[in-house]
N, C-alpha and C. Protein backbone atom coordinates (compact mmCIF):
# COMPACT_ATOMS: atom_id res chain seq x y z
N MET A 1 0.95 -1.17 -0.27
CA MET A 1 -0.06 0.00 -0.05
C MET A 1 0.87 1.28 0.11
N ASN A 2 0.21 2.36 -0.57
CA ASN A 2 1.39 3.55 -0.89
C ASN A 2 1.08 4.29 0.44
N ASP A 3 2.19 4.90 1.40
CA ASP A 3 2.26 5.25 2.27
C ASP A 3 1.68 6.82 1.84
N ARG A 4 0.75 7.11 2.84
CA ARG A 4 -0.29 8.39 2.69
C ARG A 4 -0.82 8.83 4.35
N ALA A 5 0.54 8.40 5.12
CA ALA A 5 -0.03 8.80 6.42
C ALA A 5 -0.48 7.51 7.36
N GLY A 6 -0.57 6.20 6.33
CA GLY A 6 -1.15 5.62 6.67
C GLY A 6 -2.84 5.61 6.80
N LEU A 7 -3.31 6.29 5.43
CA LEU A 7 -4.67 6.57 5.26
C LEU A 7 -5.27 5.85 4.08
N SER A 8 -6.04 5.35 4.51
CA SER A 8 -7.10 4.83 3.17
C SER A 8 -7.29 5.93 2.11
N GLU A 9 -7.57 5.52 0.58
CA GLU A 9 -8.00 5.90 -0.22
C GLU A 9 -9.26 7.22 0.33
N GLU A 10 -10.43 6.64 1.03
CA GLU A 10 -11.43 7.17 1.46
C GLU A 10 -10.86 8.36 2.23
N ALA A 11 -9.84 7.89 3.28
CA ALA A 11 -9.63 9.06 4.32
C ALA A 11 -8.70 10.05 3.50
N VAL A 12 -7.84 9.56 2.67
CA VAL A 12 -7.08 10.96 1.61
C VAL A 12 -8.37 11.66 0.90
N GLU A 13 -9.45 11.48 0.45
CA GLU A 13 -10.48 12.02 -0.05
C GLU A 13 -11.06 12.87 0.71
N ASP A 14 -11.45 12.34 2.08
CA ASP A 14 -12.00 13.61 2.88
C ASP A 14 -11.17 14.67 3.42
N VAL A 15 -9.94 14.25 3.64
CA VAL A 15 -8.88 15.15 3.85
C VAL A 15 -8.65 16.05 2.96
N MET A 16 -8.68 15.98 1.51
CA MET A 16 -8.66 16.61 0.05
C MET A 16 -9.76 17.34 0.31
N SER A 17 -11.03 16.71 0.61
CA SER A 17 -12.50 17.27 0.63
C SER A 17 -11.89 18.97 1.38
N THR A 18 -11.78 18.61 2.80
CA THR A 18 -11.89 19.89 3.59
C THR A 18 -10.95 20.78 3.37
N LEU A 19 -9.58 20.50 2.50
CA LEU A 19 -8.58 21.04 2.37
C LEU A 19 -8.98 21.71 1.31
N ARG A 20 -10.09 21.39 0.23
CA ARG A 20 -10.37 22.33 -0.82
C ARG A 20 -11.39 23.09 -0.45
N LEU A 21 -11.96 22.84 0.58
CA LEU A 21 -12.83 24.02 1.11
C LEU A 21 -12.61 25.10 1.80
N ILE A 22 -11.11 25.22 2.46
CA ILE A 22 -10.66 26.45 3.30
C ILE A 22 -10.58 27.46 2.23
N ALA A 23 -10.10 27.30 1.10
CA ALA A 23 -9.99 28.12 0.21
C ALA A 23 -11.14 29.15 -0.16
N ARG A 24 -12.50 28.80 0.29
CA ARG A 24 -13.72 29.42 0.45
C ARG A 24 -13.69 29.76 1.44
N TRP A 25 -12.90 29.52 2.91
CA TRP A 25 -13.29 30.17 3.84
C TRP A 25 -13.09 31.97 4.10
N ARG A 26 -13.62 32.53 4.71
CA ARG A 26 -13.63 33.77 4.87
C ARG A 26 -13.13 33.82 6.49
N LEU A 27 -12.02 34.49 6.61
CA LEU A 27 -12.18 34.41 8.53
C LEU A 27 -11.09 35.94 9.16
N GLY A 28 -11.14 36.34 10.35
CA GLY A 28 -10.12 37.27 10.47
C GLY A 28 -8.74 36.91 10.28
N SER A 29 -7.83 38.11 10.64
CA SER A 29 -6.58 37.21 10.22
C SER A 29 -5.70 36.82 11.41
N GLU A 30 -6.53 36.40 12.75
CA GLU A 30 -6.09 35.75 13.82
C GLU A 30 -6.64 34.25 13.65
N GLY A 31 -7.85 34.21 12.84
CA GLY A 31 -8.24 33.25 12.55
C GLY A 31 -7.47 32.34 11.42
N TRP A 32 -6.62 32.90 10.36
CA TRP A 32 -6.08 32.41 9.48
C TRP A 32 -4.56 32.12 9.94
N ASP A 33 -4.35 33.00 10.90
CA ASP A 33 -3.09 32.40 11.54
C ASP A 33 -2.93 30.98 12.52
N GLU A 34 -4.16 30.68 12.95
CA GLU A 34 -4.31 29.26 13.47
C GLU A 34 -4.73 28.62 12.79
N VAL A 35 -5.25 28.73 11.29
CA VAL A 35 -5.57 27.74 10.21
C VAL A 35 -4.00 27.39 9.94
N LEU A 36 -3.25 28.20 9.75
CA LEU A 36 -2.06 28.36 9.30
C LEU A 36 -0.90 27.04 10.25
N VAL A 37 -1.31 27.49 11.60
CA VAL A 37 -0.28 26.33 12.52
C VAL A 37 -0.84 25.25 12.14
N CYS A 38 -2.03 25.09 12.33
CA CYS A 38 -2.74 23.47 12.08
C CYS A 38 -2.28 23.00 10.53
N LEU A 39 -2.45 23.77 9.65
CA LEU A 39 -1.75 23.19 8.14
C LEU A 39 -0.48 22.44 8.44
N HIS A 40 0.28 23.55 9.25
CA HIS A 40 1.56 23.09 9.15
C HIS A 40 1.89 21.46 9.96
N ARG A 41 0.98 21.65 11.27
CA ARG A 41 0.82 20.09 11.56
C ARG A 41 0.26 19.08 11.08
N LEU A 42 -0.74 19.72 10.15
CA LEU A 42 -1.17 18.41 9.42
C LEU A 42 0.09 18.17 8.43
N SER A 43 0.94 18.81 8.05
CA SER A 43 1.75 18.71 6.99
C SER A 43 2.92 17.77 7.83
N ASP A 44 3.19 18.36 8.87
CA ASP A 44 4.15 17.39 9.61
C ASP A 44 3.74 16.17 9.88
N ALA A 45 2.72 16.02 10.05
CA ALA A 45 2.18 14.81 10.25
C ALA A 45 1.88 14.10 9.48
N MET A 46 1.88 14.34 8.26
CA MET A 46 1.78 13.63 6.61
C MET A 46 3.17 13.20 6.55
N ALA A 47 4.59 14.00 6.73
CA ALA A 47 5.32 13.43 6.30
C ALA A 47 6.17 12.32 7.32
N ARG A 48 5.71 12.72 8.56
CA ARG A 48 5.81 11.44 9.67
C ARG A 48 5.18 10.47 9.54
N GLY A 49 4.10 10.03 8.70
CA GLY A 49 3.30 8.93 8.70
C GLY A 49 2.40 8.74 9.85
N GLU A 50 2.23 9.92 10.85
CA GLU A 50 1.15 9.55 11.83
C GLU A 50 -0.03 9.86 11.66
N LYS A 51 -0.64 8.84 11.72
CA LYS A 51 -1.99 8.97 11.25
C LYS A 51 -3.02 9.36 12.39
N ALA A 52 -3.01 8.96 13.63
CA ALA A 52 -3.49 10.05 14.28
C ALA A 52 -3.30 11.52 14.41
N ALA A 53 -2.09 11.98 14.25
CA ALA A 53 -1.65 13.54 14.26
C ALA A 53 -2.34 13.89 13.21
N VAL A 54 -2.68 13.11 12.22
CA VAL A 54 -3.01 13.60 10.63
C VAL A 54 -4.58 14.09 10.93
N TYR A 55 -5.48 13.53 11.40
CA TYR A 55 -6.84 13.23 12.17
C TYR A 55 -6.52 14.35 13.16
N ALA A 56 -5.78 14.48 14.19
CA ALA A 56 -5.93 15.57 15.16
C ALA A 56 -5.61 17.26 14.37
N ALA A 57 -4.94 17.20 13.49
CA ALA A 57 -4.91 17.96 12.95
C ALA A 57 -5.68 18.73 12.39
N LEU A 58 -6.18 17.67 11.39
CA LEU A 58 -7.23 18.30 10.44
C LEU A 58 -8.74 18.28 11.24
N ASP A 59 -8.97 17.73 12.17
CA ASP A 59 -10.07 18.18 13.48
C ASP A 59 -9.94 19.31 13.88
N ASP A 60 -8.91 19.77 14.20
CA ASP A 60 -8.83 21.43 14.56
C ASP A 60 -8.76 22.24 13.63
N VAL A 61 -8.24 21.83 12.19
CA VAL A 61 -8.57 22.93 11.25
C VAL A 61 -9.86 23.06 10.47
N GLU A 62 -10.71 22.00 11.28
CA GLU A 62 -12.28 22.07 10.81
C GLU A 62 -12.85 22.85 12.02
N ARG A 63 -12.51 22.98 13.07
CA ARG A 63 -13.03 23.71 14.18
C ARG A 63 -13.37 25.16 13.96
N LEU A 64 -11.95 25.40 13.17
CA LEU A 64 -11.77 26.79 13.48
C LEU A 64 -12.41 27.58 11.39
N GLY A 65 -12.77 26.81 11.04
CA GLY A 65 -14.12 26.96 9.77
C GLY A 65 -15.05 27.69 10.38
N PRO A 66 -15.89 28.08 8.85
CA PRO A 66 -17.65 28.09 9.37
C PRO A 66 -18.23 27.20 9.82
N SER A 67 -18.89 27.69 10.88
CA SER A 67 -20.02 26.99 11.89
C SER A 67 -20.47 26.17 11.51
N ARG A 68 -21.21 26.49 10.17
CA ARG A 68 -22.36 25.94 9.42
C ARG A 68 -21.86 26.01 7.88
N LEU A 69 -22.19 24.43 7.58
CA LEU A 69 -21.93 24.52 6.07
C LEU A 69 -22.48 25.12 5.09
N ALA A 70 -23.76 25.42 5.75
CA ALA A 70 -24.95 26.60 4.90
C ALA A 70 -24.31 27.90 4.71
N SER A 71 -23.10 28.54 5.58
CA SER A 71 -22.61 29.07 5.78
C SER A 71 -21.32 29.80 4.26
N ILE A 72 -21.54 28.52 3.60
CA ILE A 72 -20.91 28.85 2.50
C ILE A 72 -21.90 28.53 0.89
N ALA A 73 -21.96 29.73 0.30
CA ALA A 73 -22.81 29.95 -0.57
C ALA A 73 -22.33 28.49 -1.89
N ARG A 74 -23.19 28.56 -3.18
CA ARG A 74 -22.79 27.79 -4.03
C ARG A 74 -21.52 28.26 -4.84
N SER A 75 -21.25 29.37 -4.85
CA SER A 75 -20.52 30.62 -5.69
C SER A 75 -19.21 30.13 -5.07
N GLY A 76 -19.33 29.65 -4.08
CA GLY A 76 -17.98 29.26 -3.10
C GLY A 76 -17.24 30.37 -1.98
N SER A 77 -18.50 31.40 -2.16
CA SER A 77 -18.22 32.41 -1.13
C SER A 77 -19.07 32.30 0.12
N ALA A 78 -18.62 32.88 1.22
CA ALA A 78 -19.20 32.82 2.40
C ALA A 78 -20.88 33.32 2.38
N SER A 79 -21.59 33.10 2.33
CA SER A 79 -22.94 34.26 2.33
C SER A 79 -22.98 34.65 3.83
N ARG A 80 -22.76 35.63 4.24
CA ARG A 80 -22.50 36.45 5.06
C ARG A 80 -22.88 37.84 4.97
N HIS A 81 -22.97 38.73 6.11
CA HIS A 81 -22.49 40.16 5.69
C HIS A 81 -21.58 40.40 5.61
N GLU A 82 -21.20 41.47 4.66
CA GLU A 82 -19.66 41.97 4.14
C GLU A 82 -19.17 42.39 5.49
N ASP A 83 -18.49 41.53 6.29
CA ASP A 83 -17.69 42.40 7.54
C ASP A 83 -16.19 42.64 6.63
N SER A 84 -15.74 43.84 7.06
CA SER A 84 -14.57 44.19 6.74
C SER A 84 -13.42 43.07 7.50
N ASP A 85 -13.66 42.42 8.38
CA ASP A 85 -12.74 41.94 9.17
C ASP A 85 -12.58 40.52 8.73
N ARG A 86 -13.50 39.96 7.82
CA ARG A 86 -13.42 38.50 7.04
C ARG A 86 -12.48 38.93 5.78
N LEU A 87 -11.85 38.01 5.76
CA LEU A 87 -10.47 38.07 4.56
C LEU A 87 -10.75 36.62 4.20
N VAL A 88 -9.85 36.72 2.49
CA VAL A 88 -9.86 35.52 2.09
C VAL A 88 -8.73 34.52 2.45
N PRO A 89 -8.12 33.49 2.09
CA PRO A 89 -6.75 33.23 2.80
C PRO A 89 -5.92 33.67 2.38
N PRO A 90 -4.88 34.00 3.14
CA PRO A 90 -3.69 34.67 2.98
C PRO A 90 -2.79 33.74 1.96
N GLU A 91 -1.55 34.46 1.24
CA GLU A 91 -1.07 33.86 0.58
C GLU A 91 -0.20 32.76 1.09
N PRO A 92 0.36 32.63 2.25
CA PRO A 92 0.72 31.24 3.17
C PRO A 92 -0.10 30.43 3.00
N VAL A 93 -1.42 30.55 3.52
CA VAL A 93 -2.21 29.76 3.72
C VAL A 93 -2.54 28.51 2.57
N MET A 94 -2.69 29.75 1.29
CA MET A 94 -3.01 29.16 -0.01
C MET A 94 -1.32 28.41 -0.56
N GLU A 95 -0.28 28.42 0.12
CA GLU A 95 0.72 28.17 -0.23
C GLU A 95 0.70 26.71 -0.19
N ILE A 96 0.40 26.24 1.46
CA ILE A 96 0.65 25.26 1.99
C ILE A 96 -0.57 24.36 1.74
N LEU A 97 -1.63 24.78 1.20
CA LEU A 97 -3.13 24.18 1.00
C LEU A 97 -2.79 23.18 -0.70
N ASN A 98 -1.92 24.40 -1.40
CA ASN A 98 -1.71 23.71 -2.52
C ASN A 98 -0.75 22.52 -2.61
N MET A 99 0.48 22.78 -1.51
CA MET A 99 1.18 21.95 -1.34
C MET A 99 0.66 20.43 -0.82
N LEU A 100 -0.23 20.52 0.07
CA LEU A 100 -0.60 19.39 0.20
C LEU A 100 -1.92 18.95 -0.31
N ILE A 101 -2.42 19.61 -1.00
CA ILE A 101 -3.45 19.28 -2.34
C ILE A 101 -2.55 18.42 -3.41
N HIS A 102 -1.60 18.93 -4.00
CA HIS A 102 -1.15 18.69 -4.98
C HIS A 102 0.77 18.56 -4.44
N PRO A 103 0.90 17.61 -3.55
CA PRO A 103 2.26 17.18 -3.25
C PRO A 103 3.41 16.80 -4.70
N ALA A 104 4.82 17.73 -4.52
CA ALA A 104 5.37 17.55 -5.66
C ALA A 104 5.39 16.40 -6.20
N ASP A 105 5.95 15.37 -5.15
CA ASP A 105 5.71 13.65 -5.76
C ASP A 105 4.67 13.17 -5.79
N GLY A 106 3.63 13.49 -5.53
CA GLY A 106 2.52 12.78 -5.84
C GLY A 106 2.04 12.04 -4.75
N TRP A 107 1.20 11.92 -4.83
CA TRP A 107 -0.12 11.32 -3.63
C TRP A 107 0.13 9.84 -3.57
N GLY A 108 0.98 8.89 -5.01
CA GLY A 108 0.90 7.86 -4.96
C GLY A 108 2.29 7.36 -4.40
N ARG A 109 3.42 7.99 -3.73
CA ARG A 109 4.42 8.08 -2.96
C ARG A 109 4.33 8.56 -1.64
N PRO A 110 5.32 8.52 -0.61
CA PRO A 110 5.19 8.79 0.46
C PRO A 110 5.07 10.70 0.78
N HIS A 111 4.38 11.05 1.14
CA HIS A 111 4.02 12.69 1.36
C HIS A 111 5.54 13.23 1.50
N GLY A 112 5.74 14.14 0.25
CA GLY A 112 6.92 15.25 0.51
C GLY A 112 7.27 15.97 1.67
N GLY A 113 8.14 15.63 2.37
CA GLY A 113 8.71 16.52 3.76
C GLY A 113 7.82 17.53 4.12
N ALA A 114 7.92 17.89 5.21
CA ALA A 114 7.63 19.15 5.99
C ALA A 114 7.85 20.05 5.63
N THR A 115 7.09 21.04 6.03
CA THR A 115 7.35 22.59 5.46
C THR A 115 7.93 23.35 7.09
N PRO A 116 8.61 24.57 6.67
CA PRO A 116 9.09 24.95 7.73
C PRO A 116 7.35 25.37 8.76
N GLY A 117 7.49 25.56 9.88
CA GLY A 117 6.29 26.18 10.48
C GLY A 117 6.66 27.74 10.65
N PRO A 118 5.27 28.27 11.07
CA PRO A 118 5.17 29.81 11.18
C PRO A 118 6.45 30.08 12.12
N GLY A 119 7.47 31.48 11.91
CA GLY A 119 8.21 31.96 12.65
C GLY A 119 8.27 31.82 14.17
């Protein structure tokens, strides 16, 4: 079996589904800082092949997102009042999302190394 942090094909799809939704979220800057930390933990857990740590990091990320699925419109935008404190994902978040969704070595081989965490 291919090393995907010990995750089944179905579990990998669940992880990918959550990661793809994050790009649609609108959070405050502190929320994005927390998401970034969790995404680095997820990346590290994937690199180490630690299934339990993958699920823990993913669970933490999901808790930081919108409280209801209904808050994400079909267009992919959060359906809420246009609050100036809600931001699209910043570049560092998008970079790690892209790396997690599209690892350079592909999902058919072990996940490509950990990324450096935030400063």
